């Protein structure tokens, strides 16, 4: 038994393994790799690798589709947004056009569903009126507890475009954060080796962040951060390494005992800018009232 699929325009350029997971069945990477090697998944009747990028008019052939219901494969259930979440989401939009939206993400909501948190922005957005005729595509992420600017594409073409712009560092982001400690320099650059784990393998990557001191008083500082690289938890890790942990960071810093705000991370994605076909886009998201209140409590200037 075999099933045929013709590639649509919005799938051009997608990797075959990712396309399979989106359109045929949710399966582990190793499972898809195995069936590609065995020729149970072919493109234009030829064996291909998982990294193969789909082209216009490609025909995908999937043999023995019954294996899609393998008991070892777990299909992720989408988060069901509440009516309140959907109605309140209209306040998040800063930009809404036919190709992408820009929102001011609140704290406590993940960008995508994960093992520790099913509630996520993508599944909430797909139920809004802004996405009635399209689907939300993730093009970058910010941490669950981080607030601020998030770009979400409305089609595959712009999802790929934004992914490329992020990869070649043509999208510029500025963050604001409140940290413990007072920096001596007004401006500078943090260049560090940071680590993360992929299964049991420890991976080292270089992280580069430019900083500007906006104000400091009584052992607290307000910083403007411009990350040149985009590593996971980069800003939180680097600031801790240099002795200036971000307030409210329960993962990379014990919470601020004086304010008693255990999980209120004082990190905000403030500005984002990029160009598409010669047109410049610049967006700004005002920090939350809680962020501004914390500035006032620490006697730091509200910019």
C-alpha atoms as a PDB file:
ATOM      1  CA  UNK A   1       0.000   0.000   0.000  1.00  0.00           C
ATOM      2  CA  UNK A   2       1.322   3.443  -0.878  1.00  0.00           C
ATOM      3  CA  UNK A   3       0.126   7.016  -0.715  1.00  0.00           C
ATOM      4  CA  UNK A   4       1.057   9.939  -2.988  1.00  0.00           C
ATOM      5  CA  UNK A   5       1.481  13.593  -2.044  1.00  0.00           C
ATOM      6  CA  UNK A   6       2.151  16.554  -4.361  1.00  0.00           C
ATOM      7  CA  UNK A   7       4.116  19.460  -2.913  1.00  0.00           C
ATOM      8  CA  UNK A   8       2.247  22.729  -2.553  1.00  0.00           C
ATOM      9  CA  UNK A   9       3.872  26.141  -2.972  1.00  0.00           C
ATOM     10  CA  UNK A  10       4.036  26.883   0.754  1.00  0.00           C
ATOM     11  CA  UNK A  11       6.087  23.709   1.330  1.00  0.00           C
ATOM     12  CA  UNK A  12       8.838  24.480  -1.181  1.00  0.00           C
ATOM     13  CA  UNK A  13      12.178  24.546   0.602  1.00  0.00           C
ATOM     14  CA  UNK A  14      11.001  22.494   3.577  1.00  0.00           C
ATOM     15  CA  UNK A  15      13.080  19.518   4.717  1.00  0.00           C
ATOM     16  CA  UNK A  16      11.455  16.196   3.903  1.00  0.00           C
ATOM     17  CA  UNK A  17      11.621  14.959   7.519  1.00  0.00           C
ATOM     18  CA  UNK A  18       9.881  18.070   8.846  1.00  0.00           C
ATOM     19  CA  UNK A  19       7.269  17.919   6.085  1.00  0.00           C
ATOM     20  CA  UNK A  20       6.512  14.292   6.970  1.00  0.00           C
ATOM     21  CA  UNK A  21       5.938  15.198  10.627  1.00  0.00           C
ATOM     22  CA  UNK A  22       3.636  18.082   9.707  1.00  0.00           C
ATOM     23  CA  UNK A  23       1.604  16.390   6.989  1.00  0.00           C
ATOM     24  CA  UNK A  24       1.699  12.596   7.365  1.00  0.00           C
ATOM     25  CA  UNK A  25       2.418  11.522  10.932  1.00  0.00           C
ATOM     26  CA  UNK A  26       4.161  12.715  14.066  1.00  0.00           C
ATOM     27  CA  UNK A  27       7.175  10.456  14.502  1.00  0.00           C
ATOM     28  CA  UNK A  28      10.638  10.448  16.087  1.00  0.00           C
ATOM     29  CA  UNK A  29      13.498  11.543  13.830  1.00  0.00           C
ATOM     30  CA  UNK A  30      15.117   8.103  14.049  1.00  0.00           C
ATOM     31  CA  UNK A  31      11.883   6.484  12.825  1.00  0.00           C
ATOM     32  CA  UNK A  32      11.695   8.765   9.763  1.00  0.00           C
ATOM     33  CA  UNK A  33      15.428   8.265   9.023  1.00  0.00           C
ATOM     34  CA  UNK A  34      14.958   4.498   9.114  1.00  0.00           C
ATOM     35  CA  UNK A  35      12.071   4.576   6.629  1.00  0.00           C
ATOM     36  CA  UNK A  36      13.959   6.926   4.315  1.00  0.00           C
ATOM     37  CA  UNK A  37      16.910   4.499   4.269  1.00  0.00           C
ATOM     38  CA  UNK A  38      14.590   1.555   3.556  1.00  0.00           C
ATOM     39  CA  UNK A  39      12.931   3.446   0.707  1.00  0.00           C
ATOM     40  CA  UNK A  40       9.523   3.482   2.385  1.00  0.00           C
ATOM     41  CA  UNK A  41       9.521   7.241   1.855  1.00  0.00           C
ATOM     42  CA  UNK A  42      10.639   8.454  -1.585  1.00  0.00           C
ATOM     43  CA  UNK A  43      10.592  11.670  -3.603  1.00  0.00           C
ATOM     44  CA  UNK A  44       9.959  11.330  -7.337  1.00  0.00           C
ATOM     45  CA  UNK A  45      10.406   7.567  -6.854  1.00  0.00           C
ATOM     46  CA  UNK A  46      13.985   8.049  -5.609  1.00  0.00           C
ATOM     47  CA  UNK A  47      15.586   7.503  -2.219  1.00  0.00           C
ATOM     48  CA  UNK A  48      16.576  10.741  -0.495  1.00  0.00           C
ATOM     49  CA  UNK A  49      18.129  11.837   2.810  1.00  0.00           C
ATOM     50  CA  UNK A  50      16.275  13.559   5.623  1.00  0.00           C
ATOM     51  CA  UNK A  51      18.004  16.843   4.770  1.00  0.00           C
ATOM     52  CA  UNK A  52      16.493  16.898   1.245  1.00  0.00           C
ATOM     53  CA  UNK A  53      14.651  20.174   0.613  1.00  0.00           C
ATOM     54  CA  UNK A  54      11.421  19.922  -1.327  1.00  0.00           C
ATOM     55  CA  UNK A  55      11.080  21.514  -4.749  1.00  0.00           C
ATOM     56  CA  UNK A  56       8.146  22.608  -6.858  1.00  0.00           C
ATOM     57  CA  UNK A  57       6.133  19.660  -8.279  1.00  0.00           C
ATOM     58  CA  UNK A  58       7.961  17.071  -6.155  1.00  0.00           C
ATOM     59  CA  UNK A  59       5.908  13.920  -5.590  1.00  0.00           C
ATOM     60  CA  UNK A  60       6.293  12.173  -2.252  1.00  0.00           C
ATOM     61  CA  UNK A  61       5.500   8.481  -2.026  1.00  0.00           C
ATOM     62  CA  UNK A  62       4.902   6.903   1.370  1.00  0.00           C
ATOM     63  CA  UNK A  63       4.744   3.101   1.375  1.00  0.00           C
ATOM     64  CA  UNK A  64       2.938   1.036   3.998  1.00  0.00           C
ATOM     65  CA  UNK A  65       1.224   3.999   5.688  1.00  0.00           C
ATOM     66  CA  UNK A  66      -0.097   1.694   8.416  1.00  0.00           C
ATOM     67  CA  UNK A  67       3.150   2.166  10.335  1.00  0.00           C
ATOM     68  CA  UNK A  68       1.966   5.724  11.127  1.00  0.00           C
ATOM     69  CA  UNK A  69      -0.089   4.277  13.969  1.00  0.00           C
ATOM     70  CA  UNK A  70       2.887   2.582  15.606  1.00  0.00           C
ATOM     71  CA  UNK A  71       2.221   2.366  19.352  1.00  0.00           C
ATOM     72  CA  UNK A  72       5.588   3.931  20.091  1.00  0.00           C
ATOM     73  CA  UNK A  73       4.646   7.140  18.267  1.00  0.00           C
ATOM     74  CA  UNK A  74       2.979   9.786  20.407  1.00  0.00           C
ATOM     75  CA  UNK A  75       1.005  12.478  18.653  1.00  0.00           C
ATOM     76  CA  UNK A  76       1.189  15.846  20.372  1.00  0.00           C
ATOM     77  CA  UNK A  77      -2.171  17.280  21.284  1.00  0.00           C
ATOM     78  CA  UNK A  78      -2.591  20.986  20.638  1.00  0.00           C
ATOM     79  CA  UNK A  79      -3.298  23.207  23.608  1.00  0.00           C
ATOM     80  CA  UNK A  80      -6.960  24.238  23.760  1.00  0.00           C
ATOM     81  CA  UNK A  81      -7.038  27.961  24.435  1.00  0.00           C
ATOM     82  CA  UNK A  82      -9.781  29.302  26.691  1.00  0.00           C
ATOM     83  CA  UNK A  83     -12.242  31.933  25.504  1.00  0.00           C
ATOM     84  CA  UNK A  84     -10.623  34.420  27.865  1.00  0.00           C
ATOM     85  CA  UNK A  85      -7.157  33.768  26.400  1.00  0.00           C
ATOM     86  CA  UNK A  86      -8.454  34.197  22.858  1.00  0.00           C
ATOM     87  CA  UNK A  87     -10.352  37.408  23.619  1.00  0.00           C
ATOM     88  CA  UNK A  88      -7.427  38.916  25.532  1.00  0.00           C
ATOM     89  CA  UNK A  89      -4.966  38.040  22.763  1.00  0.00           C
ATOM     90  CA  UNK A  90      -6.208  40.984  20.671  1.00  0.00           C
ATOM     91  CA  UNK A  91      -4.326  43.283  23.054  1.00  0.00           C
ATOM     92  CA  UNK A  92      -1.021  41.568  22.221  1.00  0.00           C
ATOM     93  CA  UNK A  93      -0.845  42.522  18.532  1.00  0.00           C
ATOM     94  CA  UNK A  94       1.556  45.278  17.498  1.00  0.00           C
ATOM     95  CA  UNK A  95       1.581  44.368  13.775  1.00  0.00           C
ATOM     96  CA  UNK A  96      -0.829  42.254  11.748  1.00  0.00           C
ATOM     97  CA  UNK A  97      -0.491  41.882   7.984  1.00  0.00           C
ATOM     98  CA  UNK A  98      -1.049  39.130   5.408  1.00  0.00           C
ATOM     99  CA  UNK A  99       2.390  37.554   5.972  1.00  0.00           C
ATOM    100  CA  UNK A 100       3.254  37.923   9.656  1.00  0.00           C
ATOM    101  CA  UNK A 101       2.289  39.345  13.015  1.00  0.00           C
ATOM    102  CA  UNK A 102       4.340  40.920  15.783  1.00  0.00           C
ATOM    103  CA  UNK A 103       3.055  40.542  19.335  1.00  0.00           C
ATOM    104  CA  UNK A 104       4.060  41.674  22.811  1.00  0.00           C
ATOM    105  CA  UNK A 105       4.272  38.297  24.560  1.00  0.00           C
ATOM    106  CA  UNK A 106       3.284  38.252  28.236  1.00  0.00           C
ATOM    107  CA  UNK A 107       5.281  36.473  30.925  1.00  0.00           C
ATOM    108  CA  UNK A 108       4.437  32.897  31.854  1.00  0.00           C
ATOM    109  CA  UNK A 109       3.450  31.676  28.391  1.00  0.00           C
ATOM    110  CA  UNK A 110       5.781  29.485  26.320  1.00  0.00           C
ATOM    111  CA  UNK A 111       6.158  30.103  22.586  1.00  0.00           C
ATOM    112  CA  UNK A 112       5.586  26.418  21.779  1.00  0.00           C
ATOM    113  CA  UNK A 113       4.228  23.459  23.699  1.00  0.00           C
ATOM    114  CA  UNK A 114       6.832  21.477  25.625  1.00  0.00           C
ATOM    115  CA  UNK A 115       7.169  18.680  28.143  1.00  0.00           C
ATOM    116  CA  UNK A 116       6.863  21.087  31.084  1.00  0.00           C
ATOM    117  CA  UNK A 117       4.267  23.453  29.665  1.00  0.00           C
ATOM    118  CA  UNK A 118       1.431  22.751  27.217  1.00  0.00           C
ATOM    119  CA  UNK A 119       0.016  26.286  27.299  1.00  0.00           C
ATOM    120  CA  UNK A 120       1.664  28.221  24.493  1.00  0.00           C
ATOM    121  CA  UNK A 121       1.318  31.286  22.289  1.00  0.00           C
ATOM    122  CA  UNK A 122       1.215  29.419  18.958  1.00  0.00           C
ATOM    123  CA  UNK A 123      -1.826  27.329  19.892  1.00  0.00           C
ATOM    124  CA  UNK A 124      -3.572  30.391  21.341  1.00  0.00           C
ATOM    125  CA  UNK A 125      -2.936  32.430  18.187  1.00  0.00           C
ATOM    126  CA  UNK A 126      -4.266  29.757  15.823  1.00  0.00           C
ATOM    127  CA  UNK A 127      -7.731  30.319  17.351  1.00  0.00           C
ATOM    128  CA  UNK A 128      -7.755  34.106  16.942  1.00  0.00           C
ATOM    129  CA  UNK A 129      -9.485  36.125  14.219  1.00  0.00           C
ATOM    130  CA  UNK A 130      -6.062  37.281  13.020  1.00  0.00           C
ATOM    131  CA  UNK A 131      -5.291  33.694  11.978  1.00  0.00           C
ATOM    132  CA  UNK A 132      -8.699  32.690  10.614  1.00  0.00           C
ATOM    133  CA  UNK A 133      -7.330  32.170   7.100  1.00  0.00           C
ATOM    134  CA  UNK A 134      -3.776  31.139   7.956  1.00  0.00           C
ATOM    135  CA  UNK A 135      -1.665  29.150  10.401  1.00  0.00           C
ATOM    136  CA  UNK A 136       0.949  30.463  12.841  1.00  0.00           C
ATOM    137  CA  UNK A 137       4.572  29.479  12.121  1.00  0.00           C
ATOM    138  CA  UNK A 138       7.306  29.811  14.723  1.00  0.00           C
ATOM    139  CA  UNK A 139      10.397  31.657  13.413  1.00  0.00           C
ATOM    140  CA  UNK A 140      12.190  32.339  16.714  1.00  0.00           C
ATOM    141  CA  UNK A 141      11.627  31.960  20.429  1.00  0.00           C
ATOM    142  CA  UNK A 142      11.920  33.886  23.642  1.00  0.00           C
ATOM    143  CA  UNK A 143      11.892  32.260  27.060  1.00  0.00           C
ATOM    144  CA  UNK A 144       8.599  31.486  28.763  1.00  0.00           C
ATOM    145  CA  UNK A 145       9.161  34.073  31.509  1.00  0.00           C
ATOM    146  CA  UNK A 146      10.569  36.723  29.145  1.00  0.00           C
ATOM    147  CA  UNK A 147       8.153  39.388  27.920  1.00  0.00           C
ATOM    148  CA  UNK A 148       8.201  41.342  24.694  1.00  0.00           C
ATOM    149  CA  UNK A 149       8.448  41.189  20.928  1.00  0.00           C
ATOM    150  CA  UNK A 150       7.771  37.960  19.091  1.00  0.00           C
ATOM    151  CA  UNK A 151       7.420  37.529  15.311  1.00  0.00           C
ATOM    152  CA  UNK A 152       5.028  34.821  14.070  1.00  0.00           C
ATOM    153  CA  UNK A 153       4.747  34.075  10.338  1.00  0.00           C
ATOM    154  CA  UNK A 154       1.426  33.396   8.621  1.00  0.00           C
ATOM    155  CA  UNK A 155       2.732  31.233   5.788  1.00  0.00           C
ATOM    156  CA  UNK A 156       5.591  28.876   4.938  1.00  0.00           C
ATOM    157  CA  UNK A 157       7.279  31.390   2.605  1.00  0.00           C
ATOM    158  CA  UNK A 158       7.679  34.040   5.302  1.00  0.00           C
ATOM    159  CA  UNK A 159       8.546  31.456   7.935  1.00  0.00           C
ATOM    160  CA  UNK A 160      11.502  30.407   5.791  1.00  0.00           C
ATOM    161  CA  UNK A 161      12.394  34.036   5.082  1.00  0.00           C
ATOM    162  CA  UNK A 162      12.484  34.996   8.766  1.00  0.00           C
ATOM    163  CA  UNK A 163      14.398  31.829   9.652  1.00  0.00           C
ATOM    164  CA  UNK A 164      17.035  32.809   7.091  1.00  0.00           C
ATOM    165  CA  UNK A 165      17.185  36.408   8.326  1.00  0.00           C
ATOM    166  CA  UNK A 166      17.746  35.209  11.890  1.00  0.00           C
ATOM    167  CA  UNK A 167      20.421  32.747  10.764  1.00  0.00           C
ATOM    168  CA  UNK A 168      22.424  35.382   8.867  1.00  0.00           C
ATOM    169  CA  UNK A 169      21.924  37.888  11.708  1.00  0.00           C
ATOM    170  CA  UNK A 170      19.897  40.407   9.733  1.00  0.00           C
ATOM    171  CA  UNK A 171      17.271  40.761  12.453  1.00  0.00           C
ATOM    172  CA  UNK A 172      18.400  43.059  15.254  1.00  0.00           C
ATOM    173  CA  UNK A 173      16.956  42.746  18.750  1.00  0.00           C
ATOM    174  CA  UNK A 174      17.306  44.918  21.841  1.00  0.00           C
ATOM    175  CA  UNK A 175      16.380  43.741  25.324  1.00  0.00           C
ATOM    176  CA  UNK A 176      15.945  45.609  28.590  1.00  0.00           C
ATOM    177  CA  UNK A 177      16.745  43.972  31.901  1.00  0.00           C
ATOM    178  CA  UNK A 178      17.124  44.820  35.559  1.00  0.00           C
ATOM    179  CA  UNK A 179      20.112  43.158  37.209  1.00  0.00           C
ATOM    180  CA  UNK A 180      21.659  42.877  40.631  1.00  0.00           C
ATOM    181  CA  UNK A 181      24.889  44.879  40.868  1.00  0.00           C
ATOM    182  CA  UNK A 182      26.346  48.070  39.386  1.00  0.00           C
ATOM    183  CA  UNK A 183      28.505  47.909  36.271  1.00  0.00           C
ATOM    184  CA  UNK A 184      31.667  50.000  36.061  1.00  0.00           C
ATOM    185  CA  UNK A 185      31.541  50.417  32.274  1.00  0.00           C
ATOM    186  CA  UNK A 186      28.861  52.407  30.453  1.00  0.00           C
ATOM    187  CA  UNK A 187      29.182  50.222  27.364  1.00  0.00           C
ATOM    188  CA  UNK A 188      30.881  46.985  26.481  1.00  0.00           C
ATOM    189  CA  UNK A 189      30.640  43.496  25.046  1.00  0.00           C
ATOM    190  CA  UNK A 190      30.387  40.129  26.753  1.00  0.00           C
ATOM    191  CA  UNK A 191      32.125  37.358  24.789  1.00  0.00           C
ATOM    192  CA  UNK A 192      31.828  33.960  26.427  1.00  0.00           C
ATOM    193  CA  UNK A 193      31.805  30.236  25.840  1.00  0.00           C
ATOM    194  CA  UNK A 194      28.523  28.840  27.110  1.00  0.00           C
ATOM    195  CA  UNK A 195      27.416  25.232  27.307  1.00  0.00           C
ATOM    196  CA  UNK A 196      24.307  23.190  26.731  1.00  0.00           C
ATOM    197  CA  UNK A 197      23.554  19.478  26.530  1.00  0.00           C
ATOM    198  CA  UNK A 198      22.179  17.435  23.650  1.00  0.00           C
ATOM    199  CA  UNK A 199      21.275  14.172  25.328  1.00  0.00           C
ATOM    200  CA  UNK A 200      24.549  13.184  27.070  1.00  0.00           C
ATOM    201  CA  UNK A 201      26.783  15.349  24.879  1.00  0.00           C
ATOM    202  CA  UNK A 202      28.080  18.646  26.272  1.00  0.00           C
ATOM    203  CA  UNK A 203      28.161  21.322  23.531  1.00  0.00           C
ATOM    204  CA  UNK A 204      30.225  24.523  23.715  1.00  0.00           C
ATOM    205  CA  UNK A 205      29.168  27.617  21.733  1.00  0.00           C
ATOM    206  CA  UNK A 206      30.342  31.219  21.609  1.00  0.00           C
ATOM    207  CA  UNK A 207      27.958  33.900  22.850  1.00  0.00           C
ATOM    208  CA  UNK A 208      28.340  37.604  22.076  1.00  0.00           C
ATOM    209  CA  UNK A 209      26.220  40.315  23.694  1.00  0.00           C
ATOM    210  CA  UNK A 210      26.699  44.092  23.538  1.00  0.00           C
ATOM    211  CA  UNK A 211      25.470  46.054  26.569  1.00  0.00           C
ATOM    212  CA  UNK A 212      24.746  49.662  27.525  1.00  0.00           C
ATOM    213  CA  UNK A 213      24.242  50.814  31.123  1.00  0.00           C
ATOM    214  CA  UNK A 214      21.124  52.997  31.253  1.00  0.00           C
ATOM    215  CA  UNK A 215      21.045  53.620  35.003  1.00  0.00           C
ATOM    216  CA  UNK A 216      22.292  52.178  38.294  1.00  0.00           C
ATOM    217  CA  UNK A 217      21.529  52.832  41.950  1.00  0.00           C
ATOM    218  CA  UNK A 218      21.845  51.011  45.259  1.00  0.00           C
ATOM    219  CA  UNK A 219      23.305  47.816  43.762  1.00  0.00           C
ATOM    220  CA  UNK A 220      20.767  47.539  40.926  1.00  0.00           C
ATOM    221  CA  UNK A 221      21.177  48.375  37.232  1.00  0.00           C
ATOM    222  CA  UNK A 222      19.007  48.841  34.162  1.00  0.00           C
ATOM    223  CA  UNK A 223      20.740  47.504  31.034  1.00  0.00           C
ATOM    224  CA  UNK A 224      20.105  47.588  27.312  1.00  0.00           C
ATOM    225  CA  UNK A 225      21.295  44.387  25.631  1.00  0.00           C
ATOM    226  CA  UNK A 226      21.961  43.699  21.961  1.00  0.00           C
ATOM    227  CA  UNK A 227      22.716  39.991  21.422  1.00  0.00           C
ATOM    228  CA  UNK A 228      24.867  39.347  18.357  1.00  0.00           C
ATOM    229  CA  UNK A 229      24.427  35.590  18.650  1.00  0.00           C
ATOM    230  CA  UNK A 230      21.245  33.730  19.545  1.00  0.00           C
ATOM    231  CA  UNK A 231      22.084  30.961  21.997  1.00  0.00           C
ATOM    232  CA  UNK A 232      19.537  29.385  24.322  1.00  0.00           C
ATOM    233  CA  UNK A 233      19.294  31.390  27.564  1.00  0.00           C
ATOM    234  CA  UNK A 234      22.262  33.431  26.331  1.00  0.00           C
ATOM    235  CA  UNK A 235      21.496  36.680  28.145  1.00  0.00           C
ATOM    236  CA  UNK A 236      20.603  34.986  31.423  1.00  0.00           C
ATOM    237  CA  UNK A 237      23.711  32.806  31.380  1.00  0.00           C
ATOM    238  CA  UNK A 238      26.133  35.563  30.406  1.00  0.00           C
ATOM    239  CA  UNK A 239      24.906  38.081  32.945  1.00  0.00           C
ATOM    240  CA  UNK A 240      25.176  35.489  35.702  1.00  0.00           C
ATOM    241  CA  UNK A 241      28.705  34.581  34.550  1.00  0.00           C
ATOM    242  CA  UNK A 242      29.751  38.233  34.797  1.00  0.00           C
ATOM    243  CA  UNK A 243      28.242  38.693  38.246  1.00  0.00           C
ATOM    244  CA  UNK A 244      25.064  40.564  37.306  1.00  0.00           C
ATOM    245  CA  UNK A 245      22.152  38.091  37.512  1.00  0.00           C
ATOM    246  CA  UNK A 246      18.777  39.188  36.179  1.00  0.00           C
ATOM    247  CA  UNK A 247      16.177  39.830  38.874  1.00  0.00           C
ATOM    248  CA  UNK A 248      13.523  37.159  39.155  1.00  0.00           C
ATOM    249  CA  UNK A 249      15.550  34.471  37.384  1.00  0.00           C
ATOM    250  CA  UNK A 250      14.855  31.317  39.388  1.00  0.00           C
ATOM    251  CA  UNK A 251      16.892  29.144  37.012  1.00  0.00           C
ATOM    252  CA  UNK A 252      20.163  31.066  36.776  1.00  0.00           C
ATOM    253  CA  UNK A 253      19.828  33.098  39.948  1.00  0.00           C
ATOM    254  CA  UNK A 254      18.060  32.737  43.299  1.00  0.00           C
ATOM    255  CA  UNK A 255      15.126  35.150  43.328  1.00  0.00           C
ATOM    256  CA  UNK A 256      15.351  38.672  44.716  1.00  0.00           C
ATOM    257  CA  UNK A 257      14.697  38.212  48.459  1.00  0.00           C
ATOM    258  CA  UNK A 258      13.986  41.903  49.028  1.00  0.00           C
ATOM    259  CA  UNK A 259      11.198  42.192  46.485  1.00  0.00           C
ATOM    260  CA  UNK A 260       9.930  38.620  47.071  1.00  0.00           C
ATOM    261  CA  UNK A 261       9.182  38.211  43.368  1.00  0.00           C
ATOM    262  CA  UNK A 262      10.184  34.587  42.894  1.00  0.00           C
ATOM    263  CA  UNK A 263       9.438  33.989  39.251  1.00  0.00           C
ATOM    264  CA  UNK A 264       9.088  37.437  37.735  1.00  0.00           C
ATOM    265  CA  UNK A 265      11.961  37.614  35.288  1.00  0.00           C
ATOM    266  CA  UNK A 266      12.958  41.225  34.629  1.00  0.00           C
ATOM    267  CA  UNK A 267      13.930  40.627  30.992  1.00  0.00           C
ATOM    268  CA  UNK A 268      12.004  42.269  28.157  1.00  0.00           C
ATOM    269  CA  UNK A 269      12.411  42.044  24.367  1.00  0.00           C
ATOM    270  CA  UNK A 270      12.048  45.772  23.709  1.00  0.00           C
ATOM    271  CA  UNK A 271      12.901  46.480  20.054  1.00  0.00           C
ATOM    272  CA  UNK A 272      13.262  44.498  16.849  1.00  0.00           C
ATOM    273  CA  UNK A 273      14.230  45.676  13.350  1.00  0.00           C
ATOM    274  CA  UNK A 274      14.792  44.094   9.937  1.00  0.00           C
ATOM    275  CA  UNK A 275      14.436  44.765   6.201  1.00  0.00           C
ATOM    276  CA  UNK A 276      12.484  42.825   3.566  1.00  0.00           C
ATOM    277  CA  UNK A 277      12.893  43.693  -0.115  1.00  0.00           C
ATOM    278  CA  UNK A 278      14.364  47.070   0.795  1.00  0.00           C
ATOM    279  CA  UNK A 279      11.547  47.987   3.186  1.00  0.00           C
ATOM    280  CA  UNK A 280      12.574  48.640   6.789  1.00  0.00           C
ATOM    281  CA  UNK A 281      10.511  47.377   9.701  1.00  0.00           C
ATOM    282  CA  UNK A 282      10.968  48.628  13.259  1.00  0.00           C
ATOM    283  CA  UNK A 283       8.862  47.578  16.227  1.00  0.00           C
ATOM    284  CA  UNK A 284       8.837  48.517  19.898  1.00  0.00           C
ATOM    285  CA  UNK A 285       6.994  46.878  22.800  1.00  0.00           C
ATOM    286  CA  UNK A 286       6.455  48.788  26.003  1.00  0.00           C
ATOM    287  CA  UNK A 287       7.581  46.876  29.121  1.00  0.00           C
ATOM    288  CA  UNK A 288       4.901  45.562  31.438  1.00  0.00           C
ATOM    289  CA  UNK A 289       3.531  47.619  34.307  1.00  0.00           C
ATOM    290  CA  UNK A 290       5.336  45.207  36.651  1.00  0.00           C
ATOM    291  CA  UNK A 291       8.681  45.916  34.946  1.00  0.00           C
ATOM    292  CA  UNK A 292       8.118  49.671  35.316  1.00  0.00           C
ATOM    293  CA  UNK A 293       6.996  49.233  38.914  1.00  0.00           C
ATOM    294  CA  UNK A 294      10.213  47.335  39.681  1.00  0.00           C
ATOM    295  CA  UNK A 295      12.261  50.159  38.137  1.00  0.00           C
ATOM    296  CA  UNK A 296      10.507  52.591  40.454  1.00  0.00           C
ATOM    297  CA  UNK A 297      11.078  50.353  43.476  1.00  0.00           C
ATOM    298  CA  UNK A 298      14.811  50.214  42.676  1.00  0.00           C
ATOM    299  CA  UNK A 299      14.982  53.995  42.096  1.00  0.00           C
ATOM    300  CA  UNK A 300      16.016  53.459  38.499  1.00  0.00           C
ATOM    301  CA  UNK A 301      15.028  55.937  35.795  1.00  0.00           C
ATOM    302  CA  UNK A 302      11.975  55.000  33.781  1.00  0.00           C
ATOM    303  CA  UNK A 303      13.237  55.643  30.261  1.00  0.00           C
END
